[in-house]
PDB file of N, CA and C in Angstrom:
ATOM      1  N   MET A   1     113.228-190.241-155.876  1.00  0.00           N
ATOM      2  CA  MET A   1     113.936-189.148-155.248  1.00  0.00           C
ATOM      3  C   MET A   1     114.399-188.121-156.286  1.00  0.00           C
ATOM      4  N   LEU A   2     114.876-188.627-157.412  1.00  0.00           N
ATOM      5  CA  LEU A   2     115.333-187.709-158.453  1.00  0.00           C
ATOM      6  C   LEU A   2     114.185-186.910-159.057  1.00  0.00           C
ATOM      7  N   SER A   3     113.003-187.511-159.104  1.00  0.00           N
ATOM      8  CA  SER A   3     111.861-186.795-159.674  1.00  0.00           C
ATOM      9  C   SER A   3     111.447-185.618-158.780  1.00  0.00           C
ATOM     10  N   ILE A   4     111.517-185.812-157.468  1.00  0.00           N
ATOM     11  CA  ILE A   4     111.177-184.725-156.545  1.00  0.00           C
ATOM     12  C   ILE A   4     112.219-183.612-156.633  1.00  0.00           C
ATOM     13  N   ALA A   5     113.487-183.997-156.702  1.00  0.00           N
ATOM     14  CA  ALA A   5     114.543-183.001-156.835  1.00  0.00           C
ATOM     15  C   ALA A   5     114.400-182.245-158.145  1.00  0.00           C
ATOM     16  N   GLY A   6     114.085-182.953-159.221  1.00  0.00           N
ATOM     17  CA  GLY A   6     113.880-182.300-160.508  1.00  0.00           C
ATOM     18  C   GLY A   6     112.711-181.340-160.480  1.00  0.00           C
ATOM     19  N   LEU A   7     111.641-181.741-159.800  1.00  0.00           N
ATOM     20  CA  LEU A   7     110.470-180.884-159.686  1.00  0.00           C
ATOM     21  C   LEU A   7     110.803-179.582-158.961  1.00  0.00           C
ATOM     22  N   VAL A   8     111.505-179.691-157.845  1.00  0.00           N
ATOM     23  CA  VAL A   8     111.837-178.502-157.049  1.00  0.00           C
ATOM     24  C   VAL A   8     112.828-177.610-157.797  1.00  0.00           C
ATOM     25  N   ILE A   9     113.867-178.203-158.357  1.00  0.00           N
ATOM     26  CA  ILE A   9     114.870-177.420-159.084  1.00  0.00           C
ATOM     27  C   ILE A   9     114.244-176.754-160.308  1.00  0.00           C
ATOM     28  N   GLY A  10     113.402-177.488-161.018  1.00  0.00           N
ATOM     29  CA  GLY A  10     112.733-176.925-162.183  1.00  0.00           C
ATOM     30  C   GLY A  10     111.820-175.771-161.829  1.00  0.00           C
ATOM     31  N   ALA A  11     111.087-175.912-160.731  1.00  0.00           N
ATOM     32  CA  ALA A  11     110.191-174.837-160.312  1.00  0.00           C
ATOM     33  C   ALA A  11     110.973-173.583-159.930  1.00  0.00           C
ATOM     34  N   LEU A  12     112.058-173.772-159.218  1.00  0.00           N
ATOM     35  CA  LEU A  12     112.883-172.613-158.854  1.00  0.00           C
ATOM     36  C   LEU A  12     113.491-171.957-160.085  1.00  0.00           C
ATOM     37  N   TRP A  13     113.995-172.784-160.985  1.00  0.00           N
ATOM     38  CA  TRP A  13     114.616-172.270-162.207  1.00  0.00           C
ATOM     39  C   TRP A  13     113.596-171.519-163.063  1.00  0.00           C
ATOM     40  N   GLY A  14     112.417-172.082-163.222  1.00  0.00           N
ATOM     41  CA  GLY A  14     111.380-171.427-164.006  1.00  0.00           C
ATOM     42  C   GLY A  14     110.912-170.121-163.389  1.00  0.00           C
ATOM     43  N   GLY A  15     110.767-170.100-162.074  1.00  0.00           N
ATOM     44  CA  GLY A  15     110.357-168.876-161.404  1.00  0.00           C
ATOM     45  C   GLY A  15     111.380-167.768-161.548  1.00  0.00           C
ATOM     46  N   VAL A  16     112.646-168.103-161.391  1.00  0.00           N
ATOM     47  CA  VAL A  16     113.710-167.108-161.537  1.00  0.00           C
ATOM     48  C   VAL A  16     113.781-166.618-162.979  1.00  0.00           C
ATOM     49  N   ARG A  17     113.625-167.539-163.911  1.00  0.00           N
ATOM     50  CA  ARG A  17     113.693-167.173-165.329  1.00  0.00           C
ATOM     51  C   ARG A  17     112.568-166.206-165.707  1.00  0.00           C
ATOM     52  N   ALA A  18     111.363-166.457-165.228  1.00  0.00           N
ATOM     53  CA  ALA A  18     110.240-165.569-165.526  1.00  0.00           C
ATOM     54  C   ALA A  18     110.410-164.223-164.851  1.00  0.00           C
ATOM     55  N   LYS A  19     110.936-164.222-163.629  1.00  0.00           N
ATOM     56  CA  LYS A  19     111.133-162.963-162.906  1.00  0.00           C
ATOM     57  C   LYS A  19     112.170-162.088-163.603  1.00  0.00           C
ATOM     58  N   ARG A  20     113.235-162.710-164.112  1.00  0.00           N
ATOM     59  CA  ARG A  20     114.262-161.945-164.825  1.00  0.00           C
ATOM     60  C   ARG A  20     113.731-161.317-166.102  1.00  0.00           C
ATOM     61  N   ARG A  21     112.750-161.972-166.719  1.00  0.00           N
ATOM     62  CA  ARG A  21     112.158-161.444-167.943  1.00  0.00           C
ATOM     63  C   ARG A  21     111.071-160.418-167.662  1.00  0.00           C
ATOM     64  N   GLY A  22     110.840-160.114-166.395  1.00  0.00           N
ATOM     65  CA  GLY A  22     109.870-159.085-166.031  1.00  0.00           C
ATOM     66  C   GLY A  22     108.433-159.567-166.041  1.00  0.00           C
ATOM     67  N   GLY A  23     108.215-160.833-165.782  1.00  0.00           N
ATOM     68  CA  GLY A  23     106.866-161.383-165.807  1.00  0.00           C
ATOM     69  C   GLY A  23     106.076-161.057-164.561  1.00  0.00           C
ATOM     70  N   SER A  24     104.765-161.134-164.703  1.00  0.00           N
ATOM     71  CA  SER A  24     103.886-160.898-163.554  1.00  0.00           C
ATOM     72  C   SER A  24     103.860-162.156-162.686  1.00  0.00           C
ATOM     73  N   GLY A  25     103.076-162.117-161.648  1.00  0.00           N
ATOM     74  CA  GLY A  25     102.980-163.263-160.750  1.00  0.00           C
ATOM     75  C   GLY A  25     102.437-164.506-161.440  1.00  0.00           C
ATOM     76  N   PHE A  26     101.482-164.302-162.356  1.00  0.00           N
ATOM     77  CA  PHE A  26     100.933-165.437-163.099  1.00  0.00           C
ATOM     78  C   PHE A  26     101.982-166.037-164.038  1.00  0.00           C
ATOM     79  N   ASP A  27     102.806-165.188-164.649  1.00  0.00           N
ATOM     80  CA  ASP A  27     103.869-165.681-165.513  1.00  0.00           C
ATOM     81  C   ASP A  27     104.876-166.504-164.720  1.00  0.00           C
ATOM     82  N   VAL A  28     105.230-166.016-163.537  1.00  0.00           N
ATOM     83  CA  VAL A  28     106.178-166.737-162.690  1.00  0.00           C
ATOM     84  C   VAL A  28     105.605-168.100-162.307  1.00  0.00           C
ATOM     85  N   ALA A  29     104.323-168.125-161.953  1.00  0.00           N
ATOM     86  CA  ALA A  29     103.690-169.390-161.580  1.00  0.00           C
ATOM     87  C   ALA A  29     103.635-170.355-162.752  1.00  0.00           C
ATOM     88  N   GLN A  30     103.323-169.851-163.934  1.00  0.00           N
ATOM     89  CA  GLN A  30     103.233-170.716-165.105  1.00  0.00           C
ATOM     90  C   GLN A  30     104.598-171.272-165.490  1.00  0.00           C
ATOM     91  N   TYR A  31     105.613-170.431-165.495  1.00  0.00           N
ATOM     92  CA  TYR A  31     106.967-170.895-165.808  1.00  0.00           C
ATOM     93  C   TYR A  31     107.441-171.906-164.768  1.00  0.00           C
ATOM     94  N   ALA A  32     107.173-171.634-163.497  1.00  0.00           N
ATOM     95  CA  ALA A  32     107.585-172.552-162.436  1.00  0.00           C
ATOM     96  C   ALA A  32     106.900-173.900-162.600  1.00  0.00           C
ATOM     97  N   ALA A  33     105.612-173.901-162.900  1.00  0.00           N
ATOM     98  CA  ALA A  33     104.888-175.157-163.070  1.00  0.00           C
ATOM     99  C   ALA A  33     105.391-175.932-164.278  1.00  0.00           C
ATOM    100  N   ALA A  34     105.579-175.251-165.385  1.00  0.00           N
ATOM    101  CA  ALA A  34     106.019-175.929-166.603  1.00  0.00           C
ATOM    102  C   ALA A  34     107.417-176.505-166.449  1.00  0.00           C
ATOM    103  N   HIS A  35     108.336-175.708-165.938  1.00  0.00           N
ATOM    104  CA  HIS A  35     109.709-176.187-165.763  1.00  0.00           C
ATOM    105  C   HIS A  35     109.771-177.293-164.709  1.00  0.00           C
ATOM    106  N   GLY A  36     108.981-177.158-163.666  1.00  0.00           N
ATOM    107  CA  GLY A  36     108.948-178.192-162.638  1.00  0.00           C
ATOM    108  C   GLY A  36     108.451-179.521-163.178  1.00  0.00           C
ATOM    109  N   LEU A  37     107.399-179.480-163.975  1.00  0.00           N
ATOM    110  CA  LEU A  37     106.884-180.716-164.567  1.00  0.00           C
ATOM    111  C   LEU A  37     107.888-181.351-165.523  1.00  0.00           C
ATOM    112  N   ILE A  38     108.520-180.536-166.338  1.00  0.00           N
ATOM    113  CA  ILE A  38     109.481-181.069-167.312  1.00  0.00           C
ATOM    114  C   ILE A  38     110.660-181.722-166.602  1.00  0.00           C
ATOM    115  N   LEU A  39     111.271-181.022-165.666  1.00  0.00           N
ATOM    116  CA  LEU A  39     112.429-181.601-164.984  1.00  0.00           C
ATOM    117  C   LEU A  39     112.028-182.738-164.045  1.00  0.00           C
ATOM    118  N   GLY A  40     110.814-182.697-163.518  1.00  0.00           N
ATOM    119  CA  GLY A  40     110.335-183.813-162.719  1.00  0.00           C
ATOM    120  C   GLY A  40     110.202-185.080-163.548  1.00  0.00           C
ATOM    121  N   MET A  41     109.709-184.943-164.778  1.00  0.00           N
ATOM    122  CA  MET A  41     109.595-186.098-165.669  1.00  0.00           C
ATOM    123  C   MET A  41     110.969-186.603-166.103  1.00  0.00           C
ATOM    124  N   VAL A  42     111.891-185.695-166.343  1.00  0.00           N
ATOM    125  CA  VAL A  42     113.257-186.113-166.673  1.00  0.00           C
ATOM    126  C   VAL A  42     113.855-186.901-165.515  1.00  0.00           C
ATOM    127  N   GLY A  43     113.660-186.419-164.297  1.00  0.00           N
ATOM    128  CA  GLY A  43     114.154-187.129-163.121  1.00  0.00           C
ATOM    129  C   GLY A  43     113.511-188.493-162.964  1.00  0.00           C
ATOM    130  N   LEU A  44     112.216-188.592-163.292  1.00  0.00           N
ATOM    131  CA  LEU A  44     111.531-189.875-163.226  1.00  0.00           C
ATOM    132  C   LEU A  44     112.122-190.868-164.218  1.00  0.00           C
ATOM    133  N   PHE A  45     112.355-190.435-165.450  1.00  0.00           N
ATOM    134  CA  PHE A  45     112.938-191.312-166.455  1.00  0.00           C
ATOM    135  C   PHE A  45     114.359-191.721-166.095  1.00  0.00           C
ATOM    136  N   VAL A  46     115.119-190.796-165.531  1.00  0.00           N
ATOM    137  CA  VAL A  46     116.489-191.145-165.084  1.00  0.00           C
ATOM    138  C   VAL A  46     116.426-192.171-163.965  1.00  0.00           C
ATOM    139  N   SER A  47     115.487-192.010-163.048  1.00  0.00           N
ATOM    140  CA  SER A  47     115.338-192.985-161.960  1.00  0.00           C
ATOM    141  C   SER A  47     114.982-194.370-162.504  1.00  0.00           C
ATOM    142  N   ILE A  48     114.097-194.414-163.486  1.00  0.00           N
ATOM    143  CA  ILE A  48     113.717-195.698-164.086  1.00  0.00           C
ATOM    144  C   ILE A  48     114.917-196.357-164.757  1.00  0.00           C
ATOM    145  N   VAL A  49     115.677-195.576-165.497  1.00  0.00           N
ATOM    146  CA  VAL A  49     116.860-196.118-166.191  1.00  0.00           C
ATOM    147  C   VAL A  49     117.872-196.637-165.184  1.00  0.00           C
ATOM    148  N   VAL A  50     118.103-195.903-164.113  1.00  0.00           N
ATOM    149  CA  VAL A  50     119.078-196.327-163.103  1.00  0.00           C
ATOM    150  C   VAL A  50     118.616-197.608-162.411  1.00  0.00           C
ATOM    151  N   LEU A  51     117.334-197.699-162.088  1.00  0.00           N
ATOM    152  CA  LEU A  51     116.815-198.893-161.430  1.00  0.00           C
ATOM    153  C   LEU A  51     116.836-200.112-162.350  1.00  0.00           C
ATOM    154  N   ARG A  52     116.576-199.913-163.625  1.00  0.00           N
ATOM    155  CA  ARG A  52     116.596-201.024-164.589  1.00  0.00           C
ATOM    156  C   ARG A  52     118.015-201.492-164.865  1.00  0.00           C
ATOM    157  N   ALA A  53     118.966-200.572-164.850  1.00  0.00           N
ATOM    158  CA  ALA A  53     120.356-200.923-165.160  1.00  0.00           C
ATOM    159  C   ALA A  53     121.030-201.649-163.989  1.00  0.00           C
ATOM    160  N   GLY A  54     120.559-201.392-162.776  1.00  0.00           N
ATOM    161  CA  GLY A  54     121.211-201.932-161.593  1.00  0.00           C
ATOM    162  C   GLY A  54     120.806-203.258-161.225  1.00  0.00           C
TER     163      GLY A  54
END
C-alpha cells in the first residue's frame, strides 16, 4: 500500500516540479516517472521493514 501511495505522490510531485521549472510535456512526464519510481521504491522498502519488524 505504501509503495502505491509513494508512486502516486512522487509522480504528482515530479510533475509539479517540472512544470514550475517551465518544462515541456516530455519533461513533465520524465520527472513524474522518475520521482514516482523513486518514491515507490522507498515506500516498498518501508513496507518491508514494517512487515519484518512486526
